[in-house]
N, C-alpha and C. Protein backbone atom coordinates (compact mmCIF):
# COMPACT_ATOMS: atom_id res chain seq x y z
N MET A 1 -7.99 -7.53 -20.89
CA MET A 1 -7.27 -6.93 -19.70
C MET A 1 -5.75 -7.49 -19.88
N GLY A 2 -4.52 -6.34 -19.35
CA GLY A 2 -2.98 -6.55 -19.29
C GLY A 2 -3.04 -6.32 -17.74
N TYR A 3 -1.88 -7.04 -17.72
CA TYR A 3 -0.97 -7.25 -16.30
C TYR A 3 0.20 -6.63 -16.59
N LYS A 4 0.94 -6.29 -15.36
CA LYS A 4 2.30 -5.95 -15.53
C LYS A 4 2.80 -6.52 -13.92
N LYS A 5 4.18 -6.65 -14.06
CA LYS A 5 5.07 -6.53 -12.77
C LYS A 5 5.13 -5.31 -11.96
N VAL A 6 4.71 -5.45 -10.62
CA VAL A 6 4.29 -4.38 -9.89
C VAL A 6 5.22 -4.11 -8.70
N GLY A 7 5.96 -5.33 -7.86
CA GLY A 7 6.27 -5.27 -7.18
C GLY A 7 6.74 -6.38 -5.93
N THR A 8 6.72 -6.11 -4.78
CA THR A 8 6.98 -6.96 -3.50
C THR A 8 6.09 -7.68 -3.50
N ALA A 9 5.98 -8.96 -2.86
CA ALA A 9 5.07 -9.80 -2.55
C ALA A 9 4.26 -9.59 -1.13
N CYS A 10 5.28 -8.67 -0.59
CA CYS A 10 4.98 -8.52 0.78
C CYS A 10 3.54 -7.67 0.56
N LEU A 11 3.18 -7.28 0.04
CA LEU A 11 2.00 -6.53 0.17
C LEU A 11 1.04 -7.72 -0.16
N MET A 12 0.96 -8.64 -0.51
CA MET A 12 0.14 -9.75 -0.64
C MET A 12 0.09 -10.53 0.64
N TYR A 13 0.62 -10.13 1.88
CA TYR A 13 1.06 -11.39 2.76
C TYR A 13 -0.66 -11.10 3.33
N ASN A 14 -1.17 -12.81 3.68
CA ASN A 14 -2.56 -12.82 4.20
C ASN A 14 -3.58 -12.13 3.94
N ASP A 15 -3.48 -12.04 2.26
CA ASP A 15 -4.99 -11.08 1.80
C ASP A 15 -5.12 -11.57 0.23
N VAL A 16 -4.66 -13.21 0.36
CA VAL A 16 -4.69 -14.04 -0.81
C VAL A 16 -6.03 -14.75 -0.73
N PHE A 17 -7.07 -14.66 -2.17
CA PHE A 17 -8.54 -15.41 -1.52
C PHE A 17 -8.81 -16.64 -2.46
N TYR A 18 -7.75 -16.83 -3.25
CA TYR A 18 -7.91 -17.94 -4.08
C TYR A 18 -6.53 -18.87 -4.78
N THR A 19 -6.23 -20.14 -4.70
CA THR A 19 -5.29 -20.23 -4.77
C THR A 19 -5.58 -21.65 -6.04
N GLU A 20 -4.70 -21.86 -6.86
CA GLU A 20 -4.69 -22.75 -8.14
C GLU A 20 -3.39 -22.94 -8.74
N HIS A 21 -3.40 -24.23 -9.25
CA HIS A 21 -2.00 -24.52 -10.14
C HIS A 21 -2.12 -23.92 -11.35
N ALA A 22 -1.18 -23.22 -12.14
CA ALA A 22 -1.19 -22.94 -13.62
C ALA A 22 0.20 -23.16 -14.00
N ARG A 23 0.04 -23.72 -15.42
CA ARG A 23 0.93 -24.03 -16.08
C ARG A 23 2.46 -22.52 -16.80
N SER A 24 1.66 -21.49 -16.21
CA SER A 24 2.48 -20.20 -16.92
C SER A 24 1.66 -18.92 -16.45
N LYS A 25 2.24 -18.03 -16.39
CA LYS A 25 2.14 -16.87 -15.97
C LYS A 25 0.71 -16.40 -16.92
N ILE A 26 0.70 -16.40 -18.02
CA ILE A 26 -0.49 -16.09 -18.89
C ILE A 26 -1.56 -17.02 -18.44
N GLU A 27 -1.32 -18.30 -18.20
CA GLU A 27 -2.70 -19.29 -17.47
C GLU A 27 -3.29 -18.27 -16.52
N CYS A 28 -2.32 -18.10 -15.52
CA CYS A 28 -2.49 -17.34 -14.16
C CYS A 28 -3.42 -16.00 -14.37
N SER A 29 -2.68 -15.17 -15.13
CA SER A 29 -3.39 -13.77 -15.39
C SER A 29 -4.79 -14.26 -15.96
N SER A 30 -5.13 -15.53 -16.99
CA SER A 30 -6.41 -15.62 -17.24
C SER A 30 -7.36 -16.29 -16.21
N ILE A 31 -6.75 -17.31 -15.14
CA ILE A 31 -7.32 -17.27 -14.00
C ILE A 31 -7.97 -16.33 -13.47
N CYS A 32 -6.96 -14.73 -13.28
CA CYS A 32 -7.42 -13.85 -12.33
C CYS A 32 -8.31 -13.32 -13.12
N GLU A 33 -8.35 -12.95 -14.70
CA GLU A 33 -9.34 -12.35 -14.79
C GLU A 33 -10.93 -12.80 -15.05
N ASN A 34 -10.93 -14.42 -15.23
CA ASN A 34 -12.14 -14.75 -15.39
C ASN A 34 -12.57 -15.71 -14.38
N ASN A 35 -11.64 -15.29 -12.89
CA ASN A 35 -12.10 -16.02 -11.86
C ASN A 35 -13.70 -16.00 -11.56
N LYS A 36 -14.38 -16.91 -11.24
CA LYS A 36 -16.25 -16.70 -10.79
C LYS A 36 -16.52 -15.79 -9.79
N PHE A 37 -15.44 -15.07 -8.92
CA PHE A 37 -15.72 -14.18 -8.09
C PHE A 37 -15.93 -12.83 -8.59
N GLY A 38 -14.87 -12.85 -9.66
CA GLY A 38 -14.89 -11.14 -10.43
C GLY A 38 -14.41 -10.13 -9.75
N LEU A 39 -13.59 -10.63 -8.79
CA LEU A 39 -12.85 -9.46 -8.25
C LEU A 39 -11.09 -9.56 -7.79
N CYS A 40 -10.96 -9.99 -8.92
CA CYS A 40 -9.27 -10.26 -8.62
C CYS A 40 -8.63 -9.08 -9.07
N SER A 41 -7.83 -8.41 -8.60
CA SER A 41 -7.00 -7.14 -9.05
C SER A 41 -5.84 -7.25 -9.20
N ARG A 42 -5.19 -8.28 -8.79
CA ARG A 42 -3.76 -8.70 -9.30
C ARG A 42 -3.34 -10.27 -8.72
N PHE A 43 -2.35 -10.65 -8.99
CA PHE A 43 -1.91 -12.08 -8.93
C PHE A 43 -0.60 -12.35 -8.63
N MET A 44 -0.14 -13.27 -8.02
CA MET A 44 1.38 -14.11 -7.87
C MET A 44 1.31 -15.09 -8.53
N TYR A 45 2.64 -15.37 -8.92
CA TYR A 45 2.61 -16.46 -9.64
C TYR A 45 4.21 -17.10 -9.45
N ASP A 46 4.02 -18.30 -8.77
CA ASP A 46 5.18 -18.90 -8.49
C ASP A 46 5.70 -19.92 -9.48
N SER A 47 6.86 -19.91 -10.54
CA SER A 47 7.06 -20.59 -11.62
C SER A 47 7.48 -22.10 -11.39
N SER A 48 8.11 -21.83 -10.10
CA SER A 48 8.90 -22.73 -9.60
C SER A 48 7.87 -24.13 -9.03
N ARG A 49 6.69 -23.78 -8.72
CA ARG A 49 5.72 -24.59 -8.06
C ARG A 49 4.65 -24.50 -9.13
N ASN A 50 4.69 -23.53 -9.77
CA ASN A 50 3.20 -23.51 -10.83
C ASN A 50 2.13 -23.21 -9.82
N MET A 51 2.32 -22.27 -9.14
CA MET A 51 1.22 -21.87 -8.19
C MET A 51 0.58 -20.69 -8.54
N CYS A 52 -0.41 -20.46 -8.43
CA CYS A 52 -1.31 -18.97 -9.02
C CYS A 52 -2.00 -18.70 -7.79
N LEU A 53 -1.78 -17.50 -7.18
CA LEU A 53 -2.58 -17.11 -6.20
C LEU A 53 -3.14 -15.46 -6.34
N LEU A 54 -4.58 -15.61 -6.37
CA LEU A 54 -5.19 -14.28 -6.48
C LEU A 54 -5.46 -13.29 -5.09
N HIS A 55 -5.51 -11.95 -5.63
CA HIS A 55 -5.62 -11.09 -4.84
C HIS A 55 -6.73 -10.33 -5.21
N SER A 56 -7.63 -9.72 -3.89
CA SER A 56 -8.60 -9.00 -4.36
C SER A 56 -8.63 -7.49 -3.10
N ASP A 57 -8.77 -6.44 -3.96
CA ASP A 57 -9.05 -5.24 -2.87
C ASP A 57 -10.06 -4.88 -2.03
N THR A 58 -11.19 -6.12 -2.33
CA THR A 58 -12.33 -5.94 -1.80
C THR A 58 -12.65 -7.24 -0.88
N THR A 59 -13.33 -7.21 0.26
CA THR A 59 -13.56 -8.14 0.79
C THR A 59 -14.52 -9.32 0.31
N ILE A 60 -14.30 -10.58 0.34
CA ILE A 60 -15.18 -11.28 -0.31
C ILE A 60 -16.03 -12.01 0.60
N GLN A 61 -17.25 -12.11 0.95
CA GLN A 61 -18.28 -12.74 1.62
C GLN A 61 -18.01 -14.22 1.82
N GLY A 62 -17.65 -15.18 2.51
CA GLY A 62 -17.79 -16.53 2.44
C GLY A 62 -16.21 -16.99 2.25
N ARG A 63 -15.10 -16.01 1.94
CA ARG A 63 -13.98 -16.54 1.29
C ARG A 63 -12.96 -16.15 2.48
N ASN A 64 -12.05 -16.92 2.96
CA ASN A 64 -10.91 -16.76 4.30
C ASN A 64 -9.79 -16.36 3.21
N SER A 65 -9.09 -15.71 3.71
CA SER A 65 -7.75 -15.13 3.27
C SER A 65 -6.86 -16.11 3.47
N VAL A 66 -6.14 -16.41 2.39
CA VAL A 66 -4.79 -17.85 2.56
C VAL A 66 -3.53 -17.03 3.36
N ALA A 67 -2.97 -17.26 3.91
CA ALA A 67 -1.87 -16.52 4.87
C ALA A 67 -0.57 -17.39 4.18
N ILE A 68 0.55 -16.72 3.33
CA ILE A 68 1.18 -16.92 2.86
C ILE A 68 2.66 -16.50 3.39
N GLN A 69 3.84 -17.00 3.21
CA GLN A 69 4.61 -16.42 3.55
C GLN A 69 5.90 -15.47 2.16
N THR A 70 6.28 -14.37 2.71
CA THR A 70 6.97 -13.53 1.76
C THR A 70 8.19 -14.27 1.22
N ASN A 71 8.27 -14.61 -0.21
CA ASN A 71 9.00 -16.08 -0.83
C ASN A 71 9.66 -14.99 -1.87
N GLU A 72 11.10 -14.71 -2.23
CA GLU A 72 11.47 -14.12 -3.38
C GLU A 72 11.10 -14.60 -4.58
N THR A 73 10.76 -16.09 -4.44
CA THR A 73 10.29 -16.86 -6.19
C THR A 73 8.89 -16.07 -6.46
N TRP A 74 8.15 -15.41 -5.66
CA TRP A 74 6.83 -14.88 -6.25
C TRP A 74 7.20 -14.10 -7.26
N ASP A 75 6.36 -13.96 -8.20
CA ASP A 75 6.31 -12.53 -9.18
C ASP A 75 5.14 -12.19 -9.28
N PHE A 76 4.94 -10.76 -8.84
CA PHE A 76 3.62 -10.09 -8.46
C PHE A 76 3.16 -9.26 -9.62
N TYR A 77 1.90 -9.12 -9.94
CA TYR A 77 1.36 -8.82 -11.09
C TYR A 77 0.10 -8.18 -10.73
N GLY A 78 0.22 -6.57 -10.86
CA GLY A 78 -1.20 -5.91 -11.33
C GLY A 78 -2.01 -5.55 -12.37
N ILE A 79 -2.96 -5.06 -12.42
CA ILE A 79 -3.96 -4.37 -13.59
C ILE A 79 -2.72 -3.49 -14.62
N ALA A 80 -2.65 -3.72 -15.71
CA ALA A 80 -1.99 -2.52 -16.56
C ALA A 80 -3.04 -1.34 -16.70
N HIS A 81 -2.73 -0.25 -16.51
CA HIS A 81 -3.41 0.90 -17.19
C HIS A 81 -2.71 1.97 -17.92
N GLU A 82 -3.20 2.48 -18.73
CA GLU A 82 -2.44 3.41 -19.53
C GLU A 82 -2.18 4.81 -18.54
N ASP A 83 -2.72 5.18 -17.83
CA ASP A 83 -2.54 5.76 -16.87
C ASP A 83 -1.66 5.77 -15.86
N CYS A 84 -1.03 4.23 -15.74
CA CYS A 84 -0.69 4.38 -14.86
C CYS A 84 0.69 3.20 -15.03
N ASN A 85 1.38 3.95 -15.51
CA ASN A 85 2.40 3.13 -16.66
C ASN A 85 4.35 3.49 -15.89
N LEU A 86 4.14 4.25 -14.61
CA LEU A 86 5.41 4.34 -13.97
C LEU A 86 5.81 3.01 -13.43
N PRO A 87 7.34 2.72 -13.19
CA PRO A 87 7.78 1.37 -12.86
C PRO A 87 7.34 1.39 -11.55
N GLY A 88 6.98 0.03 -10.98
CA GLY A 88 6.56 -0.22 -9.55
C GLY A 88 4.76 0.21 -9.06
N TYR A 89 4.32 1.08 -9.56
CA TYR A 89 3.26 1.54 -9.55
C TYR A 89 1.92 0.50 -9.80
N ASP A 90 1.08 0.39 -9.03
CA ASP A 90 -0.24 -0.56 -9.15
C ASP A 90 -1.33 0.27 -8.96
N PHE A 91 -2.27 0.12 -10.15
CA PHE A 91 -3.38 0.55 -10.27
C PHE A 91 -4.65 -0.20 -9.23
N VAL A 92 -5.28 0.31 -8.46
CA VAL A 92 -6.12 -0.24 -7.71
C VAL A 92 -7.83 0.26 -7.90
N PRO A 93 -7.99 -0.67 -8.96
CA PRO A 93 -9.89 -0.41 -9.04
C PRO A 93 -10.80 0.44 -8.36
N SER A 94 -10.33 -0.22 -6.98
CA SER A 94 -11.92 0.08 -6.04
C SER A 94 -11.52 1.49 -5.16
N ILE A 95 -9.97 2.30 -5.69
CA ILE A 95 -9.83 3.35 -4.98
C ILE A 95 -9.52 4.36 -6.20
N HIS A 96 -9.52 3.81 -7.73
CA HIS A 96 -9.00 4.38 -8.66
C HIS A 96 -7.76 5.31 -8.79
N ALA A 97 -6.75 4.67 -8.04
CA ALA A 97 -5.64 5.69 -8.22
C ALA A 97 -4.44 4.58 -8.22
N CYS A 98 -3.08 5.02 -8.69
CA CYS A 98 -2.07 4.11 -8.53
C CYS A 98 -1.31 4.14 -7.45
N PHE A 99 -0.84 3.20 -6.99
CA PHE A 99 0.06 3.48 -5.76
C PHE A 99 1.50 2.56 -5.79
N LYS A 100 2.38 3.17 -5.02
CA LYS A 100 3.62 2.46 -4.83
C LYS A 100 4.13 2.20 -3.68
N HIS A 101 4.58 1.36 -3.70
CA HIS A 101 4.97 0.68 -1.94
C HIS A 101 6.90 0.91 -2.27
N TYR A 102 7.18 1.57 -1.79
CA TYR A 102 8.64 2.21 -1.31
C TYR A 102 9.04 1.29 -0.37
N TYR A 103 10.04 0.24 -0.32
CA TYR A 103 10.72 -0.15 0.95
C TYR A 103 11.76 -0.15 0.93
N LYS A 104 12.65 -0.34 2.17
CA LYS A 104 14.31 -0.74 2.39
C LYS A 104 14.89 0.89 1.47
N VAL A 105 13.92 1.72 1.84
CA VAL A 105 14.74 3.24 1.46
C VAL A 105 14.57 3.96 2.90
N ASP A 106 15.80 4.08 3.16
CA ASP A 106 16.46 5.24 3.84
C ASP A 106 15.76 6.79 4.16
N SER A 107 14.59 7.07 4.47
CA SER A 107 13.98 8.31 4.06
C SER A 107 13.44 8.91 5.40
N SER A 108 13.42 10.00 5.25
CA SER A 108 12.55 10.69 6.21
C SER A 108 11.43 11.23 5.64
N TRP A 109 10.32 11.71 6.62
CA TRP A 109 9.04 12.06 6.09
C TRP A 109 9.28 13.10 4.79
N VAL A 110 10.22 13.93 4.93
CA VAL A 110 10.41 15.28 3.93
C VAL A 110 11.04 14.45 2.90
N SER A 111 11.90 13.85 3.18
CA SER A 111 12.71 13.11 1.75
C SER A 111 11.89 11.82 0.96
N ALA A 112 10.66 11.35 1.95
CA ALA A 112 9.80 10.27 1.08
C ALA A 112 8.68 10.63 0.31
N ARG A 113 8.28 12.20 0.51
CA ARG A 113 7.63 13.06 0.46
C ARG A 113 8.00 13.61 -0.86
N ASP A 114 9.44 13.85 -0.97
CA ASP A 114 10.14 14.32 -2.22
C ASP A 114 10.36 13.57 -3.59
N ILE A 115 9.94 12.33 -3.11
CA ILE A 115 10.03 10.86 -3.92
C ILE A 115 8.82 10.69 -4.51
N CYS A 116 7.93 11.17 -3.95
CA CYS A 116 6.26 10.64 -4.21
C CYS A 116 5.84 11.86 -5.17
N ILE A 117 6.50 13.36 -4.97
CA ILE A 117 6.16 14.81 -5.64
C ILE A 117 6.99 14.41 -6.87
N ASN A 118 8.26 14.09 -7.06
CA ASN A 118 8.96 13.63 -8.31
C ASN A 118 8.19 12.31 -9.04
N ASP A 119 7.47 11.82 -8.36
CA ASP A 119 6.82 10.76 -9.16
C ASP A 119 5.46 11.46 -9.73
N GLY A 120 4.99 12.30 -9.43
CA GLY A 120 3.73 12.72 -9.78
C GLY A 120 2.84 12.91 -9.11
N GLY A 121 2.76 12.18 -7.57
CA GLY A 121 2.08 12.24 -6.53
C GLY A 121 2.35 12.93 -5.83
N ASP A 122 1.95 11.94 -4.67
CA ASP A 122 2.11 12.73 -2.94
C ASP A 122 2.16 11.64 -2.10
N LEU A 123 2.45 11.61 -0.92
CA LEU A 123 2.52 10.27 0.24
C LEU A 123 1.10 10.26 0.14
N VAL A 124 0.28 9.09 0.53
CA VAL A 124 -0.94 8.60 0.45
C VAL A 124 -1.58 8.96 1.72
N ILE A 125 -2.97 9.44 1.27
CA ILE A 125 -3.82 9.97 2.14
C ILE A 125 -4.46 9.07 2.51
N ILE A 126 -4.95 8.73 3.53
CA ILE A 126 -5.87 7.72 4.33
C ILE A 126 -6.94 8.27 4.75
N ASP A 127 -7.86 8.51 3.88
CA ASP A 127 -9.20 9.23 4.05
C ASP A 127 -10.74 8.31 3.80
N THR A 128 -10.41 7.18 3.19
CA THR A 128 -11.56 6.35 3.18
C THR A 128 -11.09 5.13 3.56
N GLN A 129 -12.37 4.42 3.65
CA GLN A 129 -12.38 3.19 4.02
C GLN A 129 -11.02 2.36 3.07
N GLU A 130 -11.61 2.39 1.76
CA GLU A 130 -10.88 1.44 0.61
C GLU A 130 -9.41 1.83 0.88
N THR A 131 -8.67 2.92 0.94
CA THR A 131 -7.68 3.05 0.97
C THR A 131 -7.09 2.62 2.58
N TYR A 132 -7.52 3.05 3.62
CA TYR A 132 -6.96 1.96 4.52
C TYR A 132 -6.92 0.39 4.70
N ASP A 133 -7.76 -0.04 3.65
CA ASP A 133 -7.83 -1.48 3.53
C ASP A 133 -6.90 -2.15 2.97
N PHE A 134 -6.82 -1.21 2.08
CA PHE A 134 -5.71 -1.73 1.02
C PHE A 134 -4.40 -1.56 1.58
N LEU A 135 -3.87 -0.56 2.52
CA LEU A 135 -2.47 -0.56 3.10
C LEU A 135 -2.93 -1.54 4.20
N PHE A 136 -3.96 -1.71 5.32
CA PHE A 136 -3.83 -2.61 6.28
C PHE A 136 -2.68 -3.90 5.85
N ASN A 137 -2.79 -4.36 4.93
CA ASN A 137 -1.92 -6.01 4.63
C ASN A 137 -0.11 -5.22 4.66
N TYR A 138 0.09 -4.55 4.01
CA TYR A 138 1.32 -3.81 3.69
C TYR A 138 1.86 -3.59 5.62
N VAL A 139 0.99 -2.68 5.96
CA VAL A 139 1.67 -2.21 7.46
C VAL A 139 1.76 -3.16 8.03
N ASN A 140 0.55 -4.55 8.24
CA ASN A 140 1.22 -5.70 9.06
C ASN A 140 2.56 -6.12 8.60
N CYS A 141 2.79 -5.99 7.30
CA CYS A 141 4.10 -7.03 6.71
C CYS A 141 5.77 -6.01 7.17
N VAL A 142 5.23 -4.85 7.31
CA VAL A 142 6.62 -3.86 7.19
C VAL A 142 6.42 -3.14 8.69
N GLY A 143 5.68 -3.14 9.44
CA GLY A 143 5.31 -2.64 10.50
C GLY A 143 4.86 -1.40 10.65
N LYS A 144 5.56 -0.49 10.09
CA LYS A 144 5.01 1.12 9.93
C LYS A 144 5.37 1.91 8.66
N LEU A 145 4.78 2.52 8.26
CA LEU A 145 5.12 3.49 7.03
C LEU A 145 4.76 5.03 7.18
N TRP A 146 5.67 6.12 6.12
CA TRP A 146 4.56 7.47 6.50
C TRP A 146 3.73 7.19 5.22
N PHE A 147 3.14 8.27 5.96
CA PHE A 147 1.59 9.02 4.90
C PHE A 147 1.82 10.29 4.98
N GLY A 148 0.84 10.87 4.20
CA GLY A 148 0.36 12.21 3.96
C GLY A 148 -0.25 13.12 5.07
N LEU A 149 0.34 13.12 6.22
CA LEU A 149 -0.27 14.02 6.81
C LEU A 149 0.65 15.05 7.76
N ARG A 150 0.59 15.84 7.99
CA ARG A 150 1.41 16.70 8.76
C ARG A 150 0.81 18.13 9.33
N ASP A 151 0.99 18.41 10.52
CA ASP A 151 0.38 19.31 11.50
C ASP A 151 -1.00 19.25 11.27
N TYR A 152 -1.55 18.09 11.69
CA TYR A 152 -3.29 17.94 11.56
C TYR A 152 -3.52 18.49 10.17
N LYS A 153 -2.68 17.82 9.11
CA LYS A 153 -3.60 18.35 7.75
C LYS A 153 -3.04 17.23 6.96
N TRP A 154 -3.91 17.08 5.78
CA TRP A 154 -3.18 16.28 4.86
C TRP A 154 -2.60 16.83 3.98
N VAL A 155 -1.59 16.14 3.08
CA VAL A 155 -0.95 16.86 2.16
C VAL A 155 -1.60 17.48 1.10
N ASN A 156 -3.00 17.30 0.71
CA ASN A 156 -3.67 18.17 -0.28
C ASN A 156 -4.09 19.53 0.17
N GLY A 157 -4.15 19.55 1.75
CA GLY A 157 -4.42 20.97 2.46
C GLY A 157 -5.56 20.76 3.17
N GLN A 158 -6.31 19.73 3.14
CA GLN A 158 -7.27 19.63 4.03
C GLN A 158 -7.27 19.34 5.28
N PRO A 159 -7.74 19.84 5.99
CA PRO A 159 -7.76 19.10 7.70
C PRO A 159 -7.89 18.35 7.89
N PHE A 160 -7.20 17.51 8.87
CA PHE A 160 -7.31 16.02 9.43
C PHE A 160 -8.72 15.61 10.40
N THR A 161 -9.46 14.93 9.59
CA THR A 161 -10.67 14.37 10.36
C THR A 161 -10.79 13.09 10.54
N ASN A 162 -11.18 12.29 11.51
CA ASN A 162 -11.07 10.74 12.12
C ASN A 162 -12.15 10.43 11.60
N ASN A 163 -12.75 10.29 10.51
CA ASN A 163 -14.08 9.89 9.96
C ASN A 163 -13.87 8.28 9.96
N LEU A 164 -12.68 7.57 9.91
CA LEU A 164 -12.55 6.19 9.85
C LEU A 164 -12.49 5.57 11.30
N GLY A 165 -12.44 6.31 12.41
CA GLY A 165 -12.41 5.97 14.21
C GLY A 165 -10.89 5.19 14.00
N LEU A 166 -10.05 5.66 13.43
CA LEU A 166 -8.61 5.23 13.63
C LEU A 166 -7.96 5.49 15.28
N ASN A 167 -7.15 4.91 15.55
CA ASN A 167 -6.39 4.58 16.77
C ASN A 167 -5.58 5.60 16.65
N ILE A 168 -5.59 6.91 17.39
CA ILE A 168 -4.32 7.95 17.05
C ILE A 168 -3.73 8.30 18.50
N LEU A 169 -2.31 8.52 18.30
CA LEU A 169 -1.74 9.18 19.93
C LEU A 169 -0.62 9.90 18.98
N TRP A 170 -1.29 11.34 19.64
CA TRP A 170 -0.69 12.91 19.34
C TRP A 170 0.35 13.01 20.11
N ASN A 171 1.51 13.46 19.72
CA ASN A 171 2.53 13.87 20.40
C ASN A 171 2.50 15.29 21.08
N ASP A 172 2.70 15.13 22.26
CA ASP A 172 2.31 16.73 22.63
C ASP A 172 3.80 17.17 23.27
N GLU A 173 4.72 16.45 22.97
CA GLU A 173 6.13 17.28 23.11
C GLU A 173 7.15 16.66 21.68
N VAL A 174 8.12 17.27 21.92
CA VAL A 174 9.04 16.46 20.59
C VAL A 174 9.18 15.57 20.41
N ASP A 175 9.56 15.04 19.62
CA ASP A 175 10.11 13.57 19.05
C ASP A 175 11.22 12.86 20.11
N SER A 176 10.63 11.84 20.69
CA SER A 176 11.99 11.37 21.73
C SER A 176 13.07 10.95 20.73
N GLU A 177 12.44 10.48 19.57
CA GLU A 177 13.65 9.70 18.51
C GLU A 177 14.57 11.06 18.26
N ASP A 178 14.27 12.11 18.22
CA ASP A 178 15.31 13.58 17.76
C ASP A 178 14.71 14.76 18.18
N PRO A 179 15.09 14.70 19.79
CA PRO A 179 14.71 15.79 20.48
C PRO A 179 15.11 17.45 19.86
N SER A 180 15.82 17.46 18.89
CA SER A 180 16.27 18.47 18.44
C SER A 180 15.56 18.75 17.09
N ASP A 181 14.74 18.15 16.63
CA ASP A 181 14.06 18.33 15.59
C ASP A 181 12.66 18.91 15.99
N PRO A 182 12.31 20.28 15.66
CA PRO A 182 11.44 20.57 15.83
C PRO A 182 10.22 20.23 14.89
N TYR A 183 10.13 19.79 14.04
CA TYR A 183 9.25 19.25 13.12
C TYR A 183 8.69 18.05 13.44
N TYR A 184 7.82 17.74 14.62
CA TYR A 184 7.73 16.47 14.77
C TYR A 184 6.48 16.27 14.51
N ASP A 185 5.83 16.69 13.77
CA ASP A 185 4.32 16.62 13.24
C ASP A 185 3.87 15.73 12.23
N CYS A 186 4.38 14.77 11.56
CA CYS A 186 4.43 14.26 10.57
C CYS A 186 3.89 12.93 10.71
N GLY A 187 2.84 12.45 9.95
CA GLY A 187 2.57 10.92 10.34
C GLY A 187 2.78 9.87 10.10
N LEU A 188 3.15 8.64 10.87
CA LEU A 188 3.20 7.53 10.69
C LEU A 188 2.14 6.45 11.19
N LEU A 189 2.03 5.91 10.18
CA LEU A 189 1.29 4.47 10.47
C LEU A 189 2.02 3.33 11.01
N GLY A 190 1.66 2.78 12.31
CA GLY A 190 2.32 1.75 12.53
C GLY A 190 1.56 0.76 13.26
N PHE A 191 2.03 -0.63 13.55
CA PHE A 191 1.45 -1.72 14.40
C PHE A 191 2.10 -1.59 15.53
N LYS A 192 1.52 -0.97 16.66
CA LYS A 192 1.89 -1.42 17.82
C LYS A 192 0.61 -1.61 18.91
N SER A 193 0.60 -2.50 19.68
CA SER A 193 -0.92 -2.82 20.14
C SER A 193 -1.96 -2.30 19.65
N GLY A 194 -2.22 -2.66 18.35
CA GLY A 194 -3.13 -2.14 17.70
C GLY A 194 -2.73 -1.42 16.36
N TYR A 195 -3.31 -1.21 15.29
CA TYR A 195 -2.79 -0.40 14.28
C TYR A 195 -3.33 1.50 14.88
N LYS A 196 -2.30 2.12 14.75
CA LYS A 196 -2.06 3.70 15.24
C LYS A 196 -1.38 4.51 14.27
N ILE A 197 -2.27 5.77 14.48
CA ILE A 197 -1.43 6.91 13.87
C ILE A 197 -0.88 7.66 14.58
N VAL A 198 0.37 8.15 14.59
CA VAL A 198 1.22 8.75 15.47
C VAL A 198 1.98 9.89 14.46
N ASP A 199 2.24 11.19 15.30
CA ASP A 199 3.20 12.08 14.77
C ASP A 199 4.23 12.11 15.31
N VAL A 200 5.52 12.11 14.28
CA VAL A 200 6.85 11.82 14.81
C VAL A 200 7.68 13.15 14.11
N SER A 201 9.05 12.62 14.34
CA SER A 201 9.96 13.99 13.71
C SER A 201 9.46 13.90 11.92
N CYS A 202 9.43 14.78 11.46
CA CYS A 202 9.68 14.73 9.80
C CYS A 202 11.16 14.51 9.24
N THR A 203 12.19 14.63 9.76
CA THR A 203 13.34 14.91 9.01
C THR A 203 13.99 13.80 9.89
N VAL A 204 13.89 13.02 10.65
CA VAL A 204 14.85 11.90 10.97
C VAL A 204 14.60 11.01 10.09
N LYS A 205 16.01 10.12 9.60
CA LYS A 205 15.85 9.07 8.71
C LYS A 205 15.81 7.68 9.20
N ILE A 206 14.96 7.17 9.97
CA ILE A 206 15.00 5.89 10.83
C ILE A 206 14.10 5.23 10.04
N ARG A 207 12.72 5.66 9.41
CA ARG A 207 11.46 4.93 8.97
C ARG A 207 12.09 4.71 7.46
N LYS A 208 11.78 3.23 6.98
CA LYS A 208 12.23 3.04 5.62
C LYS A 208 11.10 2.63 4.57
N PHE A 209 9.80 2.93 4.85
CA PHE A 209 8.75 2.30 4.43
C PHE A 209 7.72 3.55 4.04
N PHE A 210 7.44 3.68 2.83
CA PHE A 210 6.39 4.74 2.75
C PHE A 210 5.41 4.32 1.31
N VAL A 211 4.45 4.85 1.31
CA VAL A 211 3.66 4.72 -0.06
C VAL A 211 2.85 6.08 -0.59
N CYS A 212 3.06 5.89 -1.86
CA CYS A 212 3.29 6.98 -3.10
C CYS A 212 1.60 6.90 -3.77
N GLU A 213 0.93 7.89 -3.54
CA GLU A 213 -0.26 7.89 -4.53
C GLU A 213 -0.52 8.81 -5.69
N ILE A 214 -0.92 8.33 -6.57
CA ILE A 214 -1.42 9.27 -7.87
C ILE A 214 -2.61 9.03 -8.19
N PRO A 215 -3.66 9.61 -7.74
CA PRO A 215 -4.87 10.13 -8.23
C PRO A 215 -5.46 9.92 -9.38
N MET A 216 -6.47 9.50 -9.83
CA MET A 216 -6.59 9.31 -11.38
C MET A 216 -8.02 9.76 -11.54
N ILE A 217 -8.43 10.52 -12.54
CA ILE A 217 -9.85 11.12 -12.48
C ILE A 217 -10.53 9.93 -13.23
N PRO A 218 -11.51 9.95 -12.54
CA PRO A 218 -12.70 8.81 -12.62
C PRO A 218 -13.25 9.13 -14.06
N ILE A 219 -13.13 7.74 -14.42
CA ILE A 219 -14.14 7.51 -16.15
C ILE A 219 -15.55 7.89 -16.06
N SER A 220 -16.11 8.94 -16.37
CA SER A 220 -17.79 9.29 -16.27
C SER A 220 -18.43 8.60 -17.00
């Protein structure tokens, strides 16, 4: 199994299940591949401290997450997949899709979606528990992000159904952040008094985080 550098350590905040000293990135990747829990999907390696941190997309019974602070010295690696080779995209085995977390990008919902489509995907759809769990720590880190919901429909055309029991606050009036914008029905996932979905202006450029998803065809 190979690994590639995929992005920011922000994603990993409070979601590391195992730590161990390692003399190199190669040794750290071997620890990830051969760990006794069998659920390591990515790892971080700090060469200045020879520290290896393992991450899993699946909750491991009996293992508590290790809270860490985002540090620029951490290198973040995910599983390399032949169909997930765009720079910065991370293959997530539990969802069988590729994801990229865009951050510090001044974008509206509309321009964020254009970036995802240009990559060959779309804004992430949060219609499974696995996807929600995957995004949970990232939202905790960045505060809020755009996702693939507009006018009560997912970007794939399917109607929105709250089968996950998410906390939702629909706006019945125009977006107070941009009252002149008639398109205020785009999905934002944020953390404010609990994780919450709201629909806000699609064109205002004040949110700087979003996640693109490229679904993959499962191997039969």
